[in-house]
Protein backbone atom coordinates (compact mmCIF):
# COMPACT_ATOMS: atom_id res chain seq x y z
CA UNK A 1 7.85 -2.21 22.19
CA UNK A 2 11.35 -0.72 20.90
CA UNK A 3 14.61 -1.68 22.06
CA UNK A 4 16.71 1.37 22.57
CA UNK A 5 20.53 2.03 23.21
CA UNK A 6 22.00 5.18 23.25
CA UNK A 7 25.91 5.79 23.56
CA UNK A 8 27.16 9.33 24.77
CA UNK A 9 24.24 10.05 27.19
CA UNK A 10 24.75 11.38 30.70
CA UNK A 11 26.26 8.51 32.82
CA UNK A 12 23.79 9.24 35.67
CA UNK A 13 20.78 8.71 33.20
CA UNK A 14 21.61 6.10 30.67
CA UNK A 15 19.16 4.97 27.88
CA UNK A 16 19.16 1.36 27.43
CA UNK A 17 16.30 -1.38 27.36
CA UNK A 18 12.84 -1.82 26.08
CA UNK A 19 10.79 1.25 25.76
CA UNK A 20 6.88 0.65 25.53
CA UNK A 21 4.97 2.68 22.93
CA UNK A 22 2.59 4.76 25.09
CA UNK A 23 -0.91 5.66 23.99
CA UNK A 24 -0.56 8.52 21.37
CA UNK A 25 2.45 6.87 19.92
CA UNK A 26 5.21 8.22 22.18
CA UNK A 27 7.99 6.64 23.84
CA UNK A 28 9.38 8.08 27.04
CA UNK A 29 13.11 8.36 27.36
CA UNK A 30 13.12 9.43 30.95
CA UNK A 31 12.76 12.75 32.96
CA UNK A 32 16.30 13.87 31.51
CA UNK A 33 15.44 13.35 28.07
CA UNK A 34 11.66 13.82 27.35
CA UNK A 35 9.30 11.96 24.90
CA UNK A 36 9.56 11.06 21.29
CA UNK A 37 6.49 10.54 19.01
CA UNK A 38 7.22 7.48 17.06
CA UNK A 39 3.72 6.46 15.63
CA UNK A 40 3.61 5.49 11.88
CA UNK A 41 7.50 5.50 11.67
CA UNK A 42 10.02 2.84 10.45
CA UNK A 43 12.68 1.82 12.73
CA UNK A 44 15.12 3.98 10.87
CA UNK A 45 12.73 6.98 11.19
CA UNK A 46 12.14 6.27 14.82
CA UNK A 47 16.14 6.19 15.25
CA UNK A 48 16.32 9.59 13.69
CA UNK A 49 13.59 11.06 15.80
CA UNK A 50 15.34 9.59 19.06
CA UNK A 51 18.70 11.20 17.74
CA UNK A 52 17.00 14.44 17.03
CA UNK A 53 15.40 14.59 20.32
CA UNK A 54 18.65 14.07 22.08
CA UNK A 55 20.91 16.33 20.00
CA UNK A 56 19.93 19.41 22.05
CA UNK A 57 20.88 17.63 25.33
CA UNK A 58 23.87 15.41 24.29
CA UNK A 59 26.81 15.95 21.99
CA UNK A 60 26.65 13.51 19.18
CA UNK A 61 24.46 10.72 20.50
CA UNK A 62 24.77 7.12 18.99
CA UNK A 63 21.39 5.62 18.66
CA UNK A 64 20.41 2.20 18.09
CA UNK A 65 16.74 1.26 17.94
CA UNK A 66 15.08 -2.18 17.30
CA UNK A 67 11.66 -3.74 17.33
CA UNK A 68 11.32 -5.96 20.37
CA UNK A 69 7.61 -6.69 20.15
CA UNK A 70 4.93 -5.98 17.57
CA UNK A 71 1.25 -5.77 17.92
CA UNK A 72 1.39 -6.24 21.78
CA UNK A 73 -1.95 -6.47 23.46
CA UNK A 74 -1.86 -4.75 26.92
CA UNK A 75 -4.49 -5.35 29.39
CA UNK A 76 -5.59 -2.27 31.50
CA UNK A 77 -7.65 -3.39 34.50
CA UNK A 78 -10.10 -0.99 36.08
CA UNK A 79 -11.97 -1.67 39.28
CA UNK A 80 -14.83 0.00 40.75
CA UNK A 81 -16.05 -0.61 44.26
CA UNK A 82 -19.37 0.24 45.51
CA UNK A 83 -21.20 -0.44 48.88
CA UNK A 84 -24.44 -2.16 48.64
CA UNK A 85 -27.04 -3.46 51.08
CA UNK A 86 -27.62 -6.79 49.01
CA UNK A 87 -25.82 -9.98 49.99
CA UNK A 88 -22.86 -9.14 47.82
CA UNK A 89 -21.53 -5.88 49.64
CA UNK A 90 -18.80 -5.14 46.91
CA UNK A 91 -19.02 -5.05 43.17
CA UNK A 92 -15.90 -5.16 40.80
CA UNK A 93 -16.03 -4.27 37.29
CA UNK A 94 -14.04 -5.77 34.42
CA UNK A 95 -10.99 -5.16 32.48
CA UNK A 96 -10.62 -3.35 28.88
CA UNK A 97 -7.98 -4.01 26.15
CA UNK A 98 -6.03 -1.78 24.24
CA UNK A 99 -3.61 -2.33 21.38
CA UNK A 100 0.00 -0.92 21.60
């Protein structure tokens, strides 16, 4: 999870807060700004990548990136329901784990 704060962005679409790293190593800066690939980068490299992403949309963005959480484990729950004629009419399946 990265903490990102950007000055000089659109007042109606601020960039400030905690941004989870999505599967594939990208962070979403929102609909106005798009996604940035940060997998395998240092904090400084991620900061540069965010700045480069925003330069075409915002004049002179001031970007600050910090590491909030490392190696976070996120649980993704999936349920499957199926009708049965046995005493238990519903079946639920388990959860799987992914590493961010």
